[in-house]
Amino acid sequence: MPYYGIKRKVFISFHQRDRREVDNFIDTWATKEGVFIPKALGASDNDDFINSTDPNYVMSRIRQTYLGDSTVTIVLMGTCTHSRRYVDWEIKTSLRQGDYTPNGLIGILLPSCGNSAHLPQRFRENWISGEVNCYARYRAHPTSTQQLADWIEDAYNARTSRYHLIENRSDMMKYNGKCEVCGVTH
């Protein structure tokens, strides 16, 4: 049964290698179930990729084009997501404060990861096991529309209730890192 509650605009951050699972997540939870309105760089063949190696320019384009009117960022975590510079840049941009309210932040495991994954460093800096006194939340794949809607709403509310816990000072990744699982730089 489709979800009829509040639908937040959600930015989806992911590794292109996980595209099939990401497309399935968006199709299931946004299109069929209607839990959120998706915004994602590269989730559609019609997306324009940001062709630049200047991190500040890329961050401003991500904020303007994709994050601008979103309120929550979901990092869909696959095996090597932790090693991707664009994921790091998208998280950093999501957490920026000042001219805008930061996005809420949720990490959700893709089914291929089972029960755990290596977390991107910037995400890890904003999450603590037990989830006390931290900004981000980390979850297994959702099992119901209401469960996912509750996670999104919690992240949305964190923008004002937990914003003071945001850690976003570390340098941006300049290059993709080596995957801790497969040992390859993708």
Protein backbone atom coordinates (compact mmCIF):
# COMPACT_ATOMS: atom_id res chain seq x y z
CA MET A 1 0.00 0.00 0.00
CA PRO A 2 1.47 3.40 -0.96
CA TYR A 3 2.61 5.79 1.74
CA TYR A 4 0.38 8.84 2.26
CA GLY A 5 2.37 10.78 4.87
CA ILE A 6 4.78 13.67 4.40
CA LYS A 7 7.13 13.09 1.47
CA ARG A 8 10.51 14.73 1.96
CA LYS A 9 12.90 15.52 -0.87
CA VAL A 10 15.79 13.12 -0.35
CA PHE A 11 19.21 13.29 -1.95
CA ILE A 12 20.60 9.81 -2.64
CA SER A 13 24.39 9.41 -2.45
CA PHE A 14 25.87 6.17 -3.81
CA HIS A 15 28.69 4.46 -5.69
CA GLN A 16 27.92 3.99 -9.40
CA ARG A 17 29.04 0.37 -9.10
CA ASP A 18 25.88 -0.24 -7.01
CA ARG A 19 23.61 1.36 -9.60
CA ARG A 20 21.31 -1.66 -10.02
CA GLU A 21 20.58 -1.85 -6.28
CA VAL A 22 20.23 1.94 -6.05
CA ASP A 23 17.75 1.99 -8.94
CA ASN A 24 15.81 -0.80 -7.22
CA PHE A 25 15.79 1.14 -3.92
CA ILE A 26 14.50 4.29 -5.64
CA ASP A 27 11.96 2.33 -7.70
CA THR A 28 10.63 0.46 -4.66
CA TRP A 29 10.60 3.17 -1.99
CA ALA A 30 10.11 6.37 -4.00
CA THR A 31 8.24 5.34 -7.13
CA LYS A 32 6.06 2.42 -5.99
CA GLU A 33 5.67 3.13 -2.28
CA GLY A 34 5.92 6.92 -2.50
CA VAL A 35 7.86 7.38 0.75
CA PHE A 36 10.07 10.21 -0.56
CA ILE A 37 10.87 12.36 -3.58
CA PRO A 38 14.28 11.27 -4.92
CA LYS A 39 17.09 13.55 -5.99
CA ALA A 40 20.32 11.87 -7.05
CA LEU A 41 23.34 12.68 -9.17
CA GLY A 42 23.67 9.92 -11.75
CA ALA A 43 20.50 8.03 -10.80
CA SER A 44 19.08 8.75 -14.23
CA ASP A 45 20.69 8.40 -17.64
CA ASN A 46 19.52 11.98 -18.29
CA ASP A 47 21.59 13.48 -15.43
CA ASP A 48 24.41 15.83 -16.28
CA PHE A 49 27.56 14.79 -14.47
CA ILE A 50 29.72 17.52 -13.00
CA ASN A 51 32.92 17.32 -15.00
CA SER A 52 35.47 19.02 -12.78
CA THR A 53 38.31 18.16 -10.45
CA ASP A 54 37.81 21.32 -8.37
CA PRO A 55 36.13 20.12 -5.15
CA ASN A 56 34.71 23.53 -4.24
CA TYR A 57 33.13 23.93 -7.67
CA VAL A 58 31.74 20.38 -7.54
CA MET A 59 30.31 21.00 -4.04
CA SER A 60 28.62 24.21 -5.14
CA ARG A 61 27.12 22.47 -8.20
CA ILE A 62 25.92 19.53 -6.09
CA ARG A 63 24.32 21.97 -3.63
CA GLN A 64 22.70 24.10 -6.36
CA THR A 65 21.55 21.35 -8.70
CA TYR A 66 20.78 18.38 -6.47
CA LEU A 67 20.82 19.24 -2.79
CA GLY A 68 19.33 22.72 -3.10
CA ASP A 69 15.79 21.85 -2.10
CA SER A 70 16.41 18.46 -0.49
CA THR A 71 16.26 18.14 3.29
CA VAL A 72 17.64 14.65 3.91
CA THR A 73 20.60 12.76 2.44
CA ILE A 74 20.56 8.97 2.32
CA VAL A 75 23.93 7.34 1.66
CA LEU A 76 23.18 3.94 0.14
CA MET A 77 26.13 1.85 1.25
CA GLY A 78 27.56 -0.90 -0.87
CA THR A 79 30.82 -2.77 -0.57
CA CYS A 80 33.11 0.04 -1.75
CA THR A 81 31.01 3.17 -1.14
CA HIS A 82 33.37 4.23 1.67
CA SER A 83 36.22 4.76 -0.81
CA ARG A 84 34.45 7.14 -3.22
CA ARG A 85 35.40 10.81 -3.32
CA TYR A 86 32.04 11.91 -4.74
CA VAL A 87 30.27 10.26 -1.80
CA ASP A 88 32.57 12.18 0.55
CA TRP A 89 31.87 15.43 -1.32
CA GLU A 90 28.12 14.81 -1.26
CA ILE A 91 28.16 14.13 2.49
CA LYS A 92 30.33 17.22 3.13
CA THR A 93 27.97 19.36 1.05
CA SER A 94 24.94 17.86 2.82
CA LEU A 95 26.37 18.80 6.21
CA ARG A 96 27.39 22.36 5.31
CA GLN A 97 26.07 24.98 7.66
CA GLY A 98 25.85 28.72 7.34
CA ASP A 99 23.84 29.90 4.37
CA TYR A 100 21.60 26.84 4.52
CA THR A 101 20.22 24.35 6.97
CA PRO A 102 22.18 21.09 6.69
CA ASN A 103 20.51 17.96 5.40
CA GLY A 104 19.64 15.17 7.78
CA LEU A 105 21.95 12.18 7.23
CA ILE A 106 21.10 8.47 7.08
CA GLY A 107 23.29 5.58 5.95
CA ILE A 108 21.34 2.59 4.66
CA LEU A 109 22.94 -0.71 3.76
CA LEU A 110 22.22 -2.12 0.35
CA PRO A 111 21.04 -5.76 0.49
CA SER A 112 24.31 -7.04 -1.05
CA CYS A 113 26.20 -5.83 2.04
CA GLY A 114 24.33 -8.01 4.50
CA ASN A 115 24.44 -6.55 8.01
CA SER A 116 27.46 -4.24 7.87
CA ALA A 117 29.65 -2.12 5.64
CA HIS A 118 32.71 0.07 5.88
CA LEU A 119 31.41 3.58 6.50
CA PRO A 120 32.72 6.57 4.55
CA GLN A 121 35.04 8.52 6.88
CA ARG A 122 32.90 11.67 6.98
CA PHE A 123 29.81 9.61 7.73
CA ARG A 124 31.69 7.71 10.47
CA GLU A 125 32.68 11.06 12.06
CA ASN A 126 28.96 11.84 12.44
CA TRP A 127 27.78 8.46 13.74
CA ILE A 128 28.43 6.63 17.01
CA SER A 129 27.34 3.08 17.76
CA GLY A 130 24.32 3.35 20.02
CA GLU A 131 23.45 6.63 18.31
CA VAL A 132 23.72 8.82 21.39
CA ASN A 133 25.15 12.30 20.86
CA CYS A 134 25.71 11.94 17.13
CA TYR A 135 24.14 13.49 14.06
CA ALA A 136 23.80 10.61 11.59
CA ARG A 137 21.86 7.35 11.73
CA TYR A 138 22.98 4.03 10.23
CA ARG A 139 20.43 1.37 9.26
CA ALA A 140 19.99 -1.98 7.55
CA HIS A 141 17.76 -2.08 4.50
CA PRO A 142 14.19 -0.98 5.40
CA THR A 143 11.45 -3.59 5.75
CA SER A 144 8.39 -1.33 5.53
CA THR A 145 7.28 2.03 4.19
CA GLN A 146 6.53 3.30 7.69
CA GLN A 147 9.97 2.28 8.94
CA LEU A 148 11.72 4.18 6.14
CA ALA A 149 9.37 7.17 6.56
CA ASP A 150 10.21 7.26 10.29
CA TRP A 151 13.96 7.20 9.53
CA ILE A 152 13.60 10.05 7.05
CA GLU A 153 11.50 12.09 9.48
CA ASP A 154 14.06 11.56 12.26
CA ALA A 155 16.82 12.80 9.92
CA TYR A 156 14.68 15.76 8.89
CA ASN A 157 14.18 16.73 12.54
CA ALA A 158 17.91 16.29 13.27
CA ARG A 159 18.55 19.37 11.11
CA THR A 160 17.33 21.51 14.00
CA SER A 161 17.59 19.22 17.03
CA ARG A 162 21.05 17.65 16.48
CA TYR A 163 22.79 20.12 14.13
CA HIS A 164 25.26 21.05 16.87
CA LEU A 165 26.66 17.49 16.68
CA ILE A 166 27.76 17.79 13.04
CA GLU A 167 31.43 17.03 12.39
CA ASN A 168 32.45 18.35 8.98
CA ARG A 169 35.96 19.74 9.34
CA SER A 170 38.07 17.01 7.75
CA ASP A 171 39.64 17.65 4.37
CA MET A 172 37.77 16.48 1.31
CA MET A 173 39.01 13.39 -0.50
CA LYS A 174 41.01 14.45 -3.55
CA TYR A 175 40.97 10.99 -5.15
CA ASN A 176 39.02 7.79 -4.77
CA GLY A 177 40.47 5.66 -2.01
CA LYS A 178 41.34 2.01 -1.91
CA CYS A 179 38.35 -0.18 -1.09
CA GLU A 180 38.87 -1.92 2.27
CA VAL A 181 36.91 -4.95 1.03
CA CYS A 182 38.27 -5.73 -2.42
CA GLY A 183 41.59 -3.83 -2.15
CA VAL A 184 41.09 -1.99 -5.44
CA THR A 185 40.85 1.73 -6.19
CA HIS A 186 37.81 2.05 -8.44
